[in-house]
């Protein structure tokens, strides 16, 4: 299959016109190269395992609904020691796609000119152009959103972190550093 985005490490192309009425189950099993590409794009140490089990079906008139789960394991660097920290990914997938020309793709501002979104409400539908949707980048995005932003090895704590610019307790002048840069006798 041809990738929609040649830079994206994952590709799972769905042909919208060929979707059966009851939906189509899809499974994405990643290769070592794909997992290495995802790790590089997410800036993490490694993606050890990554798979997605999805059900893709028609939604409303021209839309597509994708439901399922993404599972895997990955390694991130501990924010304290930089040692690898294993993280398990188990994320639900619940995406809706509509053609970019659909009224559902446009959000209208309220009377005050502002867009009001419910943070607890349903996500805004994604858009697609043409007859295909590449689910690979969306799977990668969901994995990235599931990451712990501050992974920490078990039992590790920050210790003796000194943020005081003048440990002697005196007042620090912002011009003191500039004075040290001034050449002698000048």
C-alpha atoms as a PDB file:
ATOM      1  CA  UNK A   1       0.000   0.000   0.000  1.00  0.00           C
ATOM      2  CA  UNK A   2       1.144   3.498  -0.782  1.00  0.00           C
ATOM      3  CA  UNK A   3       1.668   5.710   2.259  1.00  0.00           C
ATOM      4  CA  UNK A   4      -0.320   8.951   2.345  1.00  0.00           C
ATOM      5  CA  UNK A   5       2.559  10.682   4.189  1.00  0.00           C
ATOM      6  CA  UNK A   6       5.951   9.326   3.087  1.00  0.00           C
ATOM      7  CA  UNK A   7       7.562  10.568   6.340  1.00  0.00           C
ATOM      8  CA  UNK A   8       5.087   8.742   8.583  1.00  0.00           C
ATOM      9  CA  UNK A   9       6.487   5.442   9.886  1.00  0.00           C
ATOM     10  CA  UNK A  10       3.031   3.834  10.139  1.00  0.00           C
ATOM     11  CA  UNK A  11       0.537   3.421   7.335  1.00  0.00           C
ATOM     12  CA  UNK A  12      -2.861   1.752   7.384  1.00  0.00           C
ATOM     13  CA  UNK A  13      -4.831   2.976   4.381  1.00  0.00           C
ATOM     14  CA  UNK A  14      -8.609   2.561   4.317  1.00  0.00           C
ATOM     15  CA  UNK A  15     -10.563   2.920   1.065  1.00  0.00           C
ATOM     16  CA  UNK A  16     -13.785   4.606   2.126  1.00  0.00           C
ATOM     17  CA  UNK A  17     -15.852   3.541  -0.897  1.00  0.00           C
ATOM     18  CA  UNK A  18     -14.983  -0.123  -0.285  1.00  0.00           C
ATOM     19  CA  UNK A  19     -16.139  -0.237   3.336  1.00  0.00           C
ATOM     20  CA  UNK A  20     -18.786  -2.930   3.874  1.00  0.00           C
ATOM     21  CA  UNK A  21     -22.025  -1.889   5.563  1.00  0.00           C
ATOM     22  CA  UNK A  22     -21.249  -3.974   8.671  1.00  0.00           C
ATOM     23  CA  UNK A  23     -17.760  -2.498   8.938  1.00  0.00           C
ATOM     24  CA  UNK A  24     -14.308  -3.879   8.351  1.00  0.00           C
ATOM     25  CA  UNK A  25     -12.014  -5.211  11.090  1.00  0.00           C
ATOM     26  CA  UNK A  26      -8.370  -4.197  10.683  1.00  0.00           C
ATOM     27  CA  UNK A  27      -5.244  -5.250  12.555  1.00  0.00           C
ATOM     28  CA  UNK A  28      -1.979  -3.355  12.445  1.00  0.00           C
ATOM     29  CA  UNK A  29       1.079  -5.365  13.484  1.00  0.00           C
ATOM     30  CA  UNK A  30       4.165  -3.182  13.303  1.00  0.00           C
ATOM     31  CA  UNK A  31       7.573  -4.164  11.986  1.00  0.00           C
ATOM     32  CA  UNK A  32      10.876  -3.373  13.712  1.00  0.00           C
ATOM     33  CA  UNK A  33      11.510  -0.543  11.212  1.00  0.00           C
ATOM     34  CA  UNK A  34       8.071   0.964  11.828  1.00  0.00           C
ATOM     35  CA  UNK A  35       8.542   0.803  15.607  1.00  0.00           C
ATOM     36  CA  UNK A  36      11.981   2.443  15.289  1.00  0.00           C
ATOM     37  CA  UNK A  37      10.418   5.198  13.159  1.00  0.00           C
ATOM     38  CA  UNK A  38       7.675   5.811  15.723  1.00  0.00           C
ATOM     39  CA  UNK A  39      10.260   5.954  18.536  1.00  0.00           C
ATOM     40  CA  UNK A  40      12.308   8.492  16.593  1.00  0.00           C
ATOM     41  CA  UNK A  41       9.291  10.680  15.777  1.00  0.00           C
ATOM     42  CA  UNK A  42       8.094  10.614  19.397  1.00  0.00           C
ATOM     43  CA  UNK A  43      11.590  11.238  20.796  1.00  0.00           C
ATOM     44  CA  UNK A  44      11.616   8.155  23.009  1.00  0.00           C
ATOM     45  CA  UNK A  45      14.181   5.385  23.470  1.00  0.00           C
ATOM     46  CA  UNK A  46      12.281   2.473  21.899  1.00  0.00           C
ATOM     47  CA  UNK A  47       8.926   1.073  20.900  1.00  0.00           C
ATOM     48  CA  UNK A  48       9.191  -2.615  21.791  1.00  0.00           C
ATOM     49  CA  UNK A  49       5.765  -3.716  20.626  1.00  0.00           C
ATOM     50  CA  UNK A  50       2.840  -1.921  18.994  1.00  0.00           C
ATOM     51  CA  UNK A  51      -0.385  -3.271  17.533  1.00  0.00           C
ATOM     52  CA  UNK A  52      -3.864  -1.951  16.814  1.00  0.00           C
ATOM     53  CA  UNK A  53      -7.147  -3.841  16.513  1.00  0.00           C
ATOM     54  CA  UNK A  54      -9.738  -1.628  14.845  1.00  0.00           C
ATOM     55  CA  UNK A  55     -13.242  -1.746  13.427  1.00  0.00           C
ATOM     56  CA  UNK A  56     -13.748   0.733  10.593  1.00  0.00           C
ATOM     57  CA  UNK A  57     -17.305   1.415   9.487  1.00  0.00           C
ATOM     58  CA  UNK A  58     -19.443   4.014   7.801  1.00  0.00           C
ATOM     59  CA  UNK A  59     -20.789   6.831   9.945  1.00  0.00           C
ATOM     60  CA  UNK A  60     -23.794   8.938   8.998  1.00  0.00           C
ATOM     61  CA  UNK A  61     -23.869   9.669   5.279  1.00  0.00           C
ATOM     62  CA  UNK A  62     -20.265  10.154   4.176  1.00  0.00           C
ATOM     63  CA  UNK A  63     -18.315   9.730   7.388  1.00  0.00           C
ATOM     64  CA  UNK A  64     -16.172   6.948   8.794  1.00  0.00           C
ATOM     65  CA  UNK A  65     -16.000   5.755  12.407  1.00  0.00           C
ATOM     66  CA  UNK A  66     -12.933   3.965  13.761  1.00  0.00           C
ATOM     67  CA  UNK A  67     -13.148   2.124  17.083  1.00  0.00           C
ATOM     68  CA  UNK A  68     -10.758  -0.270  18.756  1.00  0.00           C
ATOM     69  CA  UNK A  69      -7.617  -0.492  20.884  1.00  0.00           C
ATOM     70  CA  UNK A  70      -3.930   0.224  20.555  1.00  0.00           C
ATOM     71  CA  UNK A  71      -1.630  -1.934  22.679  1.00  0.00           C
ATOM     72  CA  UNK A  72       2.106  -2.041  23.072  1.00  0.00           C
ATOM     73  CA  UNK A  73       5.117  -1.346  25.230  1.00  0.00           C
ATOM     74  CA  UNK A  74       7.795   1.296  24.944  1.00  0.00           C
ATOM     75  CA  UNK A  75      10.825   2.675  26.748  1.00  0.00           C
ATOM     76  CA  UNK A  76      11.325   6.303  27.715  1.00  0.00           C
ATOM     77  CA  UNK A  77      14.232   7.956  29.513  1.00  0.00           C
ATOM     78  CA  UNK A  78      13.710   8.583  33.233  1.00  0.00           C
ATOM     79  CA  UNK A  79      13.616  12.346  33.873  1.00  0.00           C
ATOM     80  CA  UNK A  80      15.957  11.917  36.859  1.00  0.00           C
ATOM     81  CA  UNK A  81      18.477   9.231  35.888  1.00  0.00           C
ATOM     82  CA  UNK A  82      17.955   8.906  32.103  1.00  0.00           C
ATOM     83  CA  UNK A  83      17.661   5.129  32.605  1.00  0.00           C
ATOM     84  CA  UNK A  84      15.046   3.367  30.445  1.00  0.00           C
ATOM     85  CA  UNK A  85      11.554   3.249  31.941  1.00  0.00           C
ATOM     86  CA  UNK A  86       9.110   0.688  30.522  1.00  0.00           C
ATOM     87  CA  UNK A  87       5.612   1.956  29.798  1.00  0.00           C
ATOM     88  CA  UNK A  88       2.610  -0.096  28.706  1.00  0.00           C
ATOM     89  CA  UNK A  89       0.259   1.404  26.123  1.00  0.00           C
ATOM     90  CA  UNK A  90      -3.394   0.349  26.185  1.00  0.00           C
ATOM     91  CA  UNK A  91      -5.476   3.079  24.582  1.00  0.00           C
ATOM     92  CA  UNK A  92      -9.009   3.129  23.250  1.00  0.00           C
ATOM     93  CA  UNK A  93      -9.484   4.400  19.704  1.00  0.00           C
ATOM     94  CA  UNK A  94     -12.636   6.370  18.960  1.00  0.00           C
ATOM     95  CA  UNK A  95     -12.231   8.517  15.849  1.00  0.00           C
ATOM     96  CA  UNK A  96     -14.694   9.997  13.393  1.00  0.00           C
ATOM     97  CA  UNK A  97     -13.709  11.187   9.937  1.00  0.00           C
ATOM     98  CA  UNK A  98     -15.810  13.315   7.597  1.00  0.00           C
ATOM     99  CA  UNK A  99     -15.047  14.652   4.110  1.00  0.00           C
ATOM    100  CA  UNK A 100     -13.438  18.082   4.247  1.00  0.00           C
ATOM    101  CA  UNK A 101     -16.472  19.511   2.427  1.00  0.00           C
ATOM    102  CA  UNK A 102     -18.902  18.236   5.085  1.00  0.00           C
ATOM    103  CA  UNK A 103     -20.867  20.655   7.252  1.00  0.00           C
ATOM    104  CA  UNK A 104     -19.766  18.551  10.231  1.00  0.00           C
ATOM    105  CA  UNK A 105     -16.143  19.543   9.545  1.00  0.00           C
ATOM    106  CA  UNK A 106     -16.865  23.221  10.103  1.00  0.00           C
ATOM    107  CA  UNK A 107     -17.305  24.630  13.564  1.00  0.00           C
ATOM    108  CA  UNK A 108     -19.325  27.812  13.654  1.00  0.00           C
ATOM    109  CA  UNK A 109     -18.461  30.506  16.196  1.00  0.00           C
ATOM    110  CA  UNK A 110     -21.069  31.474  18.783  1.00  0.00           C
ATOM    111  CA  UNK A 111     -22.758  34.891  18.751  1.00  0.00           C
ATOM    112  CA  UNK A 112     -19.760  36.395  20.568  1.00  0.00           C
ATOM    113  CA  UNK A 113     -17.396  35.295  17.778  1.00  0.00           C
ATOM    114  CA  UNK A 114     -15.725  32.659  19.960  1.00  0.00           C
ATOM    115  CA  UNK A 115     -15.516  28.916  19.409  1.00  0.00           C
ATOM    116  CA  UNK A 116     -16.849  27.188  22.508  1.00  0.00           C
ATOM    117  CA  UNK A 117     -15.684  23.594  22.873  1.00  0.00           C
ATOM    118  CA  UNK A 118     -16.736  21.235  25.625  1.00  0.00           C
ATOM    119  CA  UNK A 119     -13.522  19.703  27.043  1.00  0.00           C
ATOM    120  CA  UNK A 120     -15.524  16.679  28.215  1.00  0.00           C
ATOM    121  CA  UNK A 121     -17.542  16.418  25.001  1.00  0.00           C
ATOM    122  CA  UNK A 122     -16.895  14.446  21.851  1.00  0.00           C
ATOM    123  CA  UNK A 123     -13.883  15.352  19.749  1.00  0.00           C
ATOM    124  CA  UNK A 124     -14.288  17.345  16.570  1.00  0.00           C
ATOM    125  CA  UNK A 125     -14.351  15.011  13.553  1.00  0.00           C
ATOM    126  CA  UNK A 126     -11.136  14.638  11.582  1.00  0.00           C
ATOM    127  CA  UNK A 127     -11.350  15.408   7.881  1.00  0.00           C
ATOM    128  CA  UNK A 128     -10.225  13.470   4.849  1.00  0.00           C
ATOM    129  CA  UNK A 129      -9.838  14.276   1.176  1.00  0.00           C
ATOM    130  CA  UNK A 130     -10.561  11.900  -1.641  1.00  0.00           C
ATOM    131  CA  UNK A 131     -11.452   8.265  -1.094  1.00  0.00           C
ATOM    132  CA  UNK A 132      -8.755   7.121   1.338  1.00  0.00           C
ATOM    133  CA  UNK A 133      -7.822   7.659   4.972  1.00  0.00           C
ATOM    134  CA  UNK A 134      -4.388   6.718   6.316  1.00  0.00           C
ATOM    135  CA  UNK A 135      -4.930   5.676   9.930  1.00  0.00           C
ATOM    136  CA  UNK A 136      -1.195   5.225  10.626  1.00  0.00           C
ATOM    137  CA  UNK A 137      -0.466   8.838  11.642  1.00  0.00           C
ATOM    138  CA  UNK A 138      -3.541   8.861  13.900  1.00  0.00           C
ATOM    139  CA  UNK A 139      -2.367   5.693  15.651  1.00  0.00           C
ATOM    140  CA  UNK A 140       1.056   7.293  16.136  1.00  0.00           C
ATOM    141  CA  UNK A 141      -0.588  10.438  17.531  1.00  0.00           C
ATOM    142  CA  UNK A 142      -2.676   8.453  20.022  1.00  0.00           C
ATOM    143  CA  UNK A 143       0.448   6.627  21.219  1.00  0.00           C
ATOM    144  CA  UNK A 144       2.210   9.973  21.675  1.00  0.00           C
ATOM    145  CA  UNK A 145      -0.720  11.405  23.625  1.00  0.00           C
ATOM    146  CA  UNK A 146      -0.732   8.387  25.944  1.00  0.00           C
ATOM    147  CA  UNK A 147       2.907   8.866  27.001  1.00  0.00           C
ATOM    148  CA  UNK A 148       3.790   9.875  30.529  1.00  0.00           C
ATOM    149  CA  UNK A 149       5.322  13.349  30.068  1.00  0.00           C
ATOM    150  CA  UNK A 150       7.642  12.837  33.070  1.00  0.00           C
ATOM    151  CA  UNK A 151       8.587   9.159  33.234  1.00  0.00           C
ATOM    152  CA  UNK A 152      10.399   8.245  36.418  1.00  0.00           C
ATOM    153  CA  UNK A 153      12.065   4.988  37.421  1.00  0.00           C
ATOM    154  CA  UNK A 154      10.489   3.393  40.523  1.00  0.00           C
ATOM    155  CA  UNK A 155      11.818   4.817  43.790  1.00  0.00           C
ATOM    156  CA  UNK A 156      13.844   7.601  42.159  1.00  0.00           C
ATOM    157  CA  UNK A 157      13.601  11.118  43.618  1.00  0.00           C
ATOM    158  CA  UNK A 158      15.250  14.429  42.843  1.00  0.00           C
ATOM    159  CA  UNK A 159      17.750  15.147  45.612  1.00  0.00           C
ATOM    160  CA  UNK A 160      19.743  18.202  46.570  1.00  0.00           C
ATOM    161  CA  UNK A 161      18.533  20.270  43.676  1.00  0.00           C
ATOM    162  CA  UNK A 162      20.015  23.741  44.231  1.00  0.00           C
ATOM    163  CA  UNK A 163      18.203  26.496  42.375  1.00  0.00           C
ATOM    164  CA  UNK A 164      19.558  29.382  44.479  1.00  0.00           C
ATOM    165  CA  UNK A 165      21.857  31.547  42.318  1.00  0.00           C
ATOM    166  CA  UNK A 166      23.688  32.815  45.434  1.00  0.00           C
ATOM    167  CA  UNK A 167      24.106  30.036  48.003  1.00  0.00           C
ATOM    168  CA  UNK A 168      25.756  32.443  50.474  1.00  0.00           C
ATOM    169  CA  UNK A 169      22.344  34.028  51.021  1.00  0.00           C
ATOM    170  CA  UNK A 170      23.200  37.505  49.749  1.00  0.00           C
ATOM    171  CA  UNK A 171      21.079  39.462  47.327  1.00  0.00           C
ATOM    172  CA  UNK A 172      21.962  38.791  43.700  1.00  0.00           C
ATOM    173  CA  UNK A 173      22.090  41.778  41.394  1.00  0.00           C
ATOM    174  CA  UNK A 174      21.102  41.159  37.779  1.00  0.00           C
ATOM    175  CA  UNK A 175      24.086  43.291  36.774  1.00  0.00           C
ATOM    176  CA  UNK A 176      26.636  41.212  38.728  1.00  0.00           C
ATOM    177  CA  UNK A 177      27.040  38.768  35.856  1.00  0.00           C
ATOM    178  CA  UNK A 178      27.570  41.652  33.423  1.00  0.00           C
ATOM    179  CA  UNK A 179      30.255  43.121  35.680  1.00  0.00           C
ATOM    180  CA  UNK A 180      32.204  39.864  35.508  1.00  0.00           C
ATOM    181  CA  UNK A 181      32.137  40.019  31.708  1.00  0.00           C
ATOM    182  CA  UNK A 182      33.638  43.523  31.595  1.00  0.00           C
ATOM    183  CA  UNK A 183      37.356  43.457  30.656  1.00  0.00           C
ATOM    184  CA  UNK A 184      39.814  44.442  33.393  1.00  0.00           C
ATOM    185  CA  UNK A 185      40.755  48.124  33.322  1.00  0.00           C
ATOM    186  CA  UNK A 186      37.889  48.953  30.902  1.00  0.00           C
END
